[in-house]
Amino acid sequence: MSLIELSPVGNFESWEITRLNELRSEQFVETLGQAPIYENDEFRLWNITLNPKERLPFRKISNDFSFTFITEGFGVFHHGNGKINFGQFKIGDVYYYSIKKHGEIILDFENISLEVLKFMVFELKLKS
């Protein structure tokens, strides 16, 4: 997986007005997907499928998580602090985010591939 920074922290100038308004409304989803496919006291497992141009709205995430990509594709992450990342994903690529190391995160994710993008999200419910 490769991530390229398109916009640095604090720079909202290139943002679409609708996305910026969504962020400013602070109506964040607090789950990583629509419905977990498995959950116990320690973790949740989400299976996410996004069609081309489909996106997950802004989420406020306060648990460690990892993405594992099942298909190849491209996506864009908009972070609540203004940062934008472009990602190229290959089958089996894993991205891990530590709340203890980086803090809570607000982000959205859009599939900009021409094909369906599938990935699993493992969310650790226990605080690290």
N, C-alpha and C. Protein backbone atom coordinates (compact mmCIF):
# COMPACT_ATOMS: atom_id res chain seq x y z
N MET A 1 0.86 -1.17 0.00
CA MET A 1 0.00 0.00 0.00
C MET A 1 0.90 1.23 0.00
N SER A 2 0.53 2.18 -0.81
CA SER A 2 1.26 3.44 -0.79
C SER A 2 0.28 4.58 -0.56
N LEU A 3 0.70 5.50 0.31
CA LEU A 3 -0.08 6.69 0.61
C LEU A 3 0.73 7.91 0.20
N ILE A 4 0.08 8.82 -0.49
CA ILE A 4 0.72 10.06 -0.91
C ILE A 4 -0.08 11.22 -0.33
N GLU A 5 0.61 12.13 0.34
CA GLU A 5 -0.07 13.30 0.91
C GLU A 5 -0.39 14.29 -0.19
N LEU A 6 -1.67 14.58 -0.36
CA LEU A 6 -2.12 15.56 -1.35
C LEU A 6 -2.28 16.95 -0.76
N SER A 7 -2.53 17.01 0.54
CA SER A 7 -2.75 18.28 1.22
C SER A 7 -2.28 18.13 2.66
N PRO A 8 -1.52 19.10 3.18
CA PRO A 8 -1.01 18.98 4.54
C PRO A 8 -2.05 19.32 5.60
N VAL A 9 -1.72 18.99 6.83
CA VAL A 9 -2.55 19.35 7.98
C VAL A 9 -2.80 20.85 7.95
N GLY A 10 -4.04 21.24 8.22
CA GLY A 10 -4.40 22.64 8.31
C GLY A 10 -4.79 23.30 7.00
N ASN A 11 -4.67 22.58 5.88
CA ASN A 11 -4.98 23.17 4.58
C ASN A 11 -6.33 22.65 4.08
N PHE A 12 -7.34 23.49 4.14
CA PHE A 12 -8.67 23.12 3.69
C PHE A 12 -9.03 23.79 2.35
N GLU A 13 -8.07 24.49 1.74
CA GLU A 13 -8.33 25.26 0.52
C GLU A 13 -8.81 24.41 -0.65
N SER A 14 -8.33 23.18 -0.78
CA SER A 14 -8.70 22.35 -1.93
C SER A 14 -9.96 21.51 -1.68
N TRP A 15 -10.55 21.63 -0.52
CA TRP A 15 -11.71 20.83 -0.16
C TRP A 15 -12.96 21.31 -0.90
N GLU A 16 -13.80 20.34 -1.30
CA GLU A 16 -15.12 20.65 -1.85
C GLU A 16 -15.96 21.24 -0.72
N ILE A 17 -16.79 22.22 -1.04
CA ILE A 17 -17.58 22.92 -0.02
C ILE A 17 -18.54 21.96 0.69
N THR A 18 -19.11 21.00 -0.02
CA THR A 18 -20.05 20.06 0.63
C THR A 18 -19.33 19.19 1.65
N ARG A 19 -18.12 18.76 1.34
CA ARG A 19 -17.35 17.94 2.28
C ARG A 19 -16.92 18.77 3.47
N LEU A 20 -16.52 20.00 3.22
CA LEU A 20 -16.11 20.89 4.30
C LEU A 20 -17.30 21.19 5.22
N ASN A 21 -18.46 21.42 4.65
CA ASN A 21 -19.67 21.65 5.46
C ASN A 21 -20.03 20.42 6.28
N GLU A 22 -19.86 19.23 5.69
CA GLU A 22 -20.13 17.99 6.43
C GLU A 22 -19.19 17.89 7.63
N LEU A 23 -17.92 18.20 7.43
CA LEU A 23 -16.96 18.17 8.53
C LEU A 23 -17.32 19.18 9.60
N ARG A 24 -17.66 20.39 9.20
CA ARG A 24 -17.99 21.46 10.15
C ARG A 24 -19.26 21.18 10.94
N SER A 25 -20.17 20.38 10.38
CA SER A 25 -21.41 20.06 11.08
C SER A 25 -21.17 19.16 12.29
N GLU A 26 -20.02 18.49 12.31
CA GLU A 26 -19.63 17.59 13.41
C GLU A 26 -20.66 16.50 13.68
N GLN A 27 -21.35 16.07 12.65
CA GLN A 27 -22.31 14.96 12.75
C GLN A 27 -21.59 13.68 12.34
N PHE A 28 -20.63 13.26 13.14
CA PHE A 28 -19.78 12.14 12.78
C PHE A 28 -20.39 10.80 13.14
N VAL A 29 -20.22 9.85 12.24
CA VAL A 29 -20.55 8.46 12.53
C VAL A 29 -19.46 7.95 13.46
N GLU A 30 -19.81 7.12 14.44
CA GLU A 30 -18.79 6.63 15.37
C GLU A 30 -18.54 5.14 15.21
N THR A 31 -18.91 4.60 14.05
CA THR A 31 -18.60 3.21 13.76
C THR A 31 -17.75 3.16 12.50
N LEU A 32 -17.09 2.05 12.28
CA LEU A 32 -16.19 1.92 11.13
C LEU A 32 -16.89 1.34 9.90
N GLY A 33 -18.11 0.89 10.05
CA GLY A 33 -18.86 0.34 8.92
C GLY A 33 -20.34 0.39 9.24
N GLN A 34 -21.15 -0.26 8.38
CA GLN A 34 -22.59 -0.26 8.59
C GLN A 34 -23.00 -1.25 9.68
N ALA A 35 -22.52 -2.47 9.61
CA ALA A 35 -22.83 -3.49 10.63
C ALA A 35 -21.65 -4.46 10.70
N PRO A 36 -21.15 -4.73 11.91
CA PRO A 36 -20.02 -5.66 12.01
C PRO A 36 -20.45 -7.07 11.61
N ILE A 37 -19.53 -7.80 10.97
CA ILE A 37 -19.84 -9.19 10.63
C ILE A 37 -19.51 -10.12 11.80
N TYR A 38 -18.70 -9.62 12.74
CA TYR A 38 -18.42 -10.36 13.97
C TYR A 38 -18.04 -9.36 15.04
N GLU A 39 -18.48 -9.63 16.27
CA GLU A 39 -18.14 -8.76 17.39
C GLU A 39 -18.11 -9.56 18.67
N ASN A 40 -17.13 -9.26 19.52
CA ASN A 40 -17.12 -9.80 20.88
C ASN A 40 -16.66 -8.66 21.79
N ASP A 41 -16.29 -8.97 23.03
CA ASP A 41 -15.90 -7.93 23.98
C ASP A 41 -14.59 -7.24 23.62
N GLU A 42 -13.78 -7.88 22.77
CA GLU A 42 -12.44 -7.38 22.48
C GLU A 42 -12.30 -6.67 21.13
N PHE A 43 -13.08 -7.11 20.12
CA PHE A 43 -12.92 -6.51 18.80
C PHE A 43 -14.18 -6.61 17.97
N ARG A 44 -14.19 -5.83 16.88
CA ARG A 44 -15.24 -5.89 15.86
C ARG A 44 -14.55 -6.13 14.53
N LEU A 45 -15.23 -6.89 13.67
CA LEU A 45 -14.73 -7.12 12.32
C LEU A 45 -15.78 -6.62 11.34
N TRP A 46 -15.36 -5.73 10.45
CA TRP A 46 -16.24 -5.11 9.47
C TRP A 46 -15.83 -5.54 8.08
N ASN A 47 -16.79 -5.81 7.22
CA ASN A 47 -16.54 -6.11 5.81
C ASN A 47 -17.13 -4.94 5.02
N ILE A 48 -16.27 -4.21 4.31
CA ILE A 48 -16.73 -3.00 3.62
C ILE A 48 -16.53 -3.16 2.12
N THR A 49 -17.58 -2.85 1.37
CA THR A 49 -17.55 -2.86 -0.09
C THR A 49 -18.01 -1.49 -0.57
N LEU A 50 -17.15 -0.84 -1.36
CA LEU A 50 -17.50 0.47 -1.90
C LEU A 50 -17.46 0.42 -3.43
N ASN A 51 -18.54 0.83 -4.03
CA ASN A 51 -18.58 0.95 -5.49
C ASN A 51 -17.76 2.16 -5.92
N PRO A 52 -17.42 2.26 -7.20
CA PRO A 52 -16.69 3.43 -7.68
C PRO A 52 -17.42 4.72 -7.28
N LYS A 53 -16.66 5.69 -6.79
CA LYS A 53 -17.14 7.00 -6.34
C LYS A 53 -17.97 6.95 -5.05
N GLU A 54 -18.16 5.77 -4.48
CA GLU A 54 -18.88 5.67 -3.20
C GLU A 54 -17.91 6.01 -2.08
N ARG A 55 -18.46 6.60 -1.00
CA ARG A 55 -17.60 6.97 0.11
C ARG A 55 -18.25 6.67 1.45
N LEU A 56 -17.40 6.50 2.43
CA LEU A 56 -17.83 6.41 3.82
C LEU A 56 -17.77 7.83 4.37
N PRO A 57 -18.86 8.32 4.98
CA PRO A 57 -18.85 9.69 5.51
C PRO A 57 -17.86 9.82 6.67
N PHE A 58 -17.67 11.03 7.13
CA PHE A 58 -16.73 11.27 8.22
C PHE A 58 -17.10 10.44 9.44
N ARG A 59 -16.06 9.87 10.03
CA ARG A 59 -16.19 9.05 11.22
C ARG A 59 -15.22 9.56 12.27
N LYS A 60 -15.66 9.50 13.51
CA LYS A 60 -14.77 9.81 14.64
C LYS A 60 -14.37 8.47 15.23
N ILE A 61 -13.10 8.17 15.16
CA ILE A 61 -12.61 6.84 15.55
C ILE A 61 -11.74 6.96 16.79
N SER A 62 -12.10 6.20 17.82
CA SER A 62 -11.37 6.28 19.08
C SER A 62 -10.80 4.93 19.51
N ASN A 63 -10.81 3.95 18.62
CA ASN A 63 -10.21 2.64 18.88
C ASN A 63 -9.16 2.34 17.81
N ASP A 64 -8.13 1.59 18.19
CA ASP A 64 -7.15 1.14 17.21
C ASP A 64 -7.88 0.35 16.12
N PHE A 65 -7.38 0.44 14.88
CA PHE A 65 -8.00 -0.30 13.79
C PHE A 65 -6.97 -0.61 12.72
N SER A 66 -7.33 -1.57 11.87
CA SER A 66 -6.50 -1.86 10.70
C SER A 66 -7.42 -2.18 9.53
N PHE A 67 -6.99 -1.77 8.34
CA PHE A 67 -7.66 -2.10 7.08
C PHE A 67 -6.84 -3.20 6.42
N THR A 68 -7.50 -4.22 5.88
CA THR A 68 -6.85 -5.22 5.04
C THR A 68 -7.62 -5.27 3.73
N PHE A 69 -6.93 -4.97 2.64
CA PHE A 69 -7.59 -4.86 1.34
C PHE A 69 -7.73 -6.22 0.67
N ILE A 70 -8.93 -6.47 0.16
CA ILE A 70 -9.28 -7.74 -0.49
C ILE A 70 -9.21 -7.58 -2.01
N THR A 71 -9.35 -6.35 -2.48
CA THR A 71 -9.23 -6.05 -3.92
C THR A 71 -8.23 -4.92 -4.09
N GLU A 72 -7.77 -4.76 -5.31
CA GLU A 72 -6.88 -3.65 -5.64
C GLU A 72 -7.71 -2.42 -5.96
N GLY A 73 -7.12 -1.26 -5.74
CA GLY A 73 -7.84 -0.04 -6.08
C GLY A 73 -7.16 1.20 -5.56
N PHE A 74 -7.92 2.29 -5.63
CA PHE A 74 -7.43 3.60 -5.23
C PHE A 74 -8.46 4.28 -4.35
N GLY A 75 -8.00 5.07 -3.41
CA GLY A 75 -8.93 5.78 -2.54
C GLY A 75 -8.34 7.07 -2.03
N VAL A 76 -9.21 7.92 -1.50
CA VAL A 76 -8.79 9.19 -0.92
C VAL A 76 -9.35 9.29 0.50
N PHE A 77 -8.47 9.62 1.45
CA PHE A 77 -8.84 9.87 2.83
C PHE A 77 -8.81 11.38 3.08
N HIS A 78 -9.90 11.94 3.60
CA HIS A 78 -9.92 13.32 4.07
C HIS A 78 -9.91 13.25 5.60
N HIS A 79 -8.92 13.87 6.21
CA HIS A 79 -8.79 13.88 7.66
C HIS A 79 -9.42 15.14 8.23
N GLY A 80 -9.93 15.04 9.43
CA GLY A 80 -10.57 16.18 10.07
C GLY A 80 -9.66 17.36 10.31
N ASN A 81 -8.35 17.15 10.22
CA ASN A 81 -7.39 18.24 10.43
C ASN A 81 -6.97 18.91 9.12
N GLY A 82 -7.60 18.54 8.01
CA GLY A 82 -7.30 19.14 6.72
C GLY A 82 -6.43 18.30 5.80
N LYS A 83 -5.73 17.34 6.36
CA LYS A 83 -4.84 16.50 5.56
C LYS A 83 -5.65 15.62 4.60
N ILE A 84 -5.13 15.46 3.39
CA ILE A 84 -5.73 14.56 2.40
C ILE A 84 -4.66 13.58 1.94
N ASN A 85 -4.99 12.29 1.93
CA ASN A 85 -4.09 11.26 1.44
C ASN A 85 -4.73 10.51 0.29
N PHE A 86 -3.93 10.26 -0.75
CA PHE A 86 -4.30 9.37 -1.85
C PHE A 86 -3.65 8.03 -1.56
N GLY A 87 -4.42 6.95 -1.72
CA GLY A 87 -3.88 5.61 -1.48
C GLY A 87 -4.03 4.70 -2.67
N GLN A 88 -2.99 3.91 -2.91
CA GLN A 88 -3.06 2.83 -3.90
C GLN A 88 -2.95 1.54 -3.11
N PHE A 89 -3.94 0.64 -3.30
CA PHE A 89 -4.04 -0.56 -2.50
C PHE A 89 -3.90 -1.80 -3.37
N LYS A 90 -3.19 -2.78 -2.84
CA LYS A 90 -3.06 -4.09 -3.49
C LYS A 90 -3.68 -5.13 -2.58
N ILE A 91 -4.06 -6.25 -3.16
CA ILE A 91 -4.65 -7.34 -2.38
C ILE A 91 -3.69 -7.72 -1.26
N GLY A 92 -4.20 -7.76 -0.03
CA GLY A 92 -3.40 -8.14 1.13
C GLY A 92 -2.72 -6.98 1.83
N ASP A 93 -2.76 -5.78 1.27
CA ASP A 93 -2.17 -4.62 1.94
C ASP A 93 -2.90 -4.36 3.26
N VAL A 94 -2.13 -3.99 4.27
CA VAL A 94 -2.68 -3.71 5.60
C VAL A 94 -2.23 -2.32 6.04
N TYR A 95 -3.17 -1.57 6.59
CA TYR A 95 -2.89 -0.26 7.18
C TYR A 95 -3.35 -0.31 8.63
N TYR A 96 -2.45 0.01 9.57
CA TYR A 96 -2.77 -0.02 11.00
C TYR A 96 -2.70 1.39 11.57
N TYR A 97 -3.66 1.73 12.42
CA TYR A 97 -3.69 3.03 13.08
C TYR A 97 -3.79 2.84 14.58
N SER A 98 -2.85 3.43 15.33
CA SER A 98 -2.81 3.35 16.79
C SER A 98 -3.32 4.64 17.41
N ILE A 99 -4.38 4.55 18.19
CA ILE A 99 -4.94 5.70 18.88
C ILE A 99 -3.95 6.22 19.92
N LYS A 100 -3.29 5.31 20.64
CA LYS A 100 -2.32 5.70 21.67
C LYS A 100 -1.19 6.53 21.06
N LYS A 101 -0.75 6.14 19.89
CA LYS A 101 0.37 6.81 19.24
C LYS A 101 -0.04 8.11 18.55
N HIS A 102 -1.21 8.11 17.88
CA HIS A 102 -1.60 9.24 17.04
C HIS A 102 -2.82 10.02 17.54
N GLY A 103 -3.59 9.47 18.47
CA GLY A 103 -4.79 10.14 18.97
C GLY A 103 -6.02 9.80 18.15
N GLU A 104 -7.19 10.22 18.66
CA GLU A 104 -8.44 10.00 17.93
C GLU A 104 -8.34 10.62 16.55
N ILE A 105 -9.09 10.05 15.62
CA ILE A 105 -9.01 10.51 14.24
C ILE A 105 -10.42 10.70 13.69
N ILE A 106 -10.55 11.73 12.87
CA ILE A 106 -11.79 11.97 12.12
C ILE A 106 -11.41 11.86 10.65
N LEU A 107 -12.08 10.98 9.91
CA LEU A 107 -11.77 10.85 8.50
C LEU A 107 -12.92 10.27 7.72
N ASP A 108 -12.88 10.52 6.41
CA ASP A 108 -13.79 9.86 5.48
C ASP A 108 -12.92 9.07 4.51
N PHE A 109 -13.56 8.29 3.66
CA PHE A 109 -12.82 7.50 2.68
C PHE A 109 -13.68 7.34 1.44
N GLU A 110 -13.08 7.61 0.28
CA GLU A 110 -13.80 7.49 -0.98
C GLU A 110 -13.06 6.56 -1.93
N ASN A 111 -13.81 5.66 -2.55
CA ASN A 111 -13.26 4.78 -3.58
C ASN A 111 -13.21 5.58 -4.88
N ILE A 112 -12.00 5.83 -5.37
CA ILE A 112 -11.86 6.54 -6.64
C ILE A 112 -11.41 5.58 -7.75
N SER A 113 -11.54 4.28 -7.51
CA SER A 113 -11.22 3.26 -8.51
C SER A 113 -12.34 3.17 -9.53
N LEU A 114 -12.04 2.51 -10.62
CA LEU A 114 -13.06 2.22 -11.62
C LEU A 114 -13.81 0.93 -11.28
N GLU A 115 -13.32 0.21 -10.31
CA GLU A 115 -13.90 -1.07 -9.88
C GLU A 115 -14.33 -0.99 -8.42
N VAL A 116 -15.07 -2.00 -7.99
CA VAL A 116 -15.48 -2.13 -6.59
C VAL A 116 -14.23 -2.32 -5.73
N LEU A 117 -14.20 -1.68 -4.58
CA LEU A 117 -13.10 -1.81 -3.63
C LEU A 117 -13.62 -2.51 -2.38
N LYS A 118 -12.95 -3.59 -2.01
CA LYS A 118 -13.37 -4.36 -0.83
C LYS A 118 -12.22 -4.42 0.17
N PHE A 119 -12.58 -4.24 1.44
CA PHE A 119 -11.59 -4.37 2.50
C PHE A 119 -12.26 -4.76 3.80
N MET A 120 -11.47 -5.36 4.67
CA MET A 120 -11.93 -5.73 6.01
C MET A 120 -11.33 -4.72 6.98
N VAL A 121 -12.10 -4.40 8.01
CA VAL A 121 -11.59 -3.52 9.06
C VAL A 121 -11.68 -4.28 10.37
N PHE A 122 -10.53 -4.35 11.04
CA PHE A 122 -10.43 -4.96 12.35
C PHE A 122 -10.32 -3.83 13.36
N GLU A 123 -11.30 -3.72 14.26
CA GLU A 123 -11.32 -2.66 15.26
C GLU A 123 -11.12 -3.26 16.64
N LEU A 124 -10.07 -2.85 17.30
CA LEU A 124 -9.77 -3.33 18.65
C LEU A 124 -10.54 -2.48 19.64
N LYS A 125 -11.44 -3.11 20.41
CA LYS A 125 -12.29 -2.37 21.33
C LYS A 125 -11.58 -2.06 22.64
N LEU A 126 -10.55 -2.81 22.96
CA LEU A 126 -9.81 -2.58 24.20
C LEU A 126 -8.88 -1.40 24.01
N LYS A 127 -8.84 -0.51 24.97
CA LYS A 127 -7.95 0.65 24.89
C LYS A 127 -6.51 0.19 25.08
N SER A 128 -5.63 0.69 24.19
CA SER A 128 -4.21 0.30 24.28
C SER A 128 -3.46 1.22 25.22
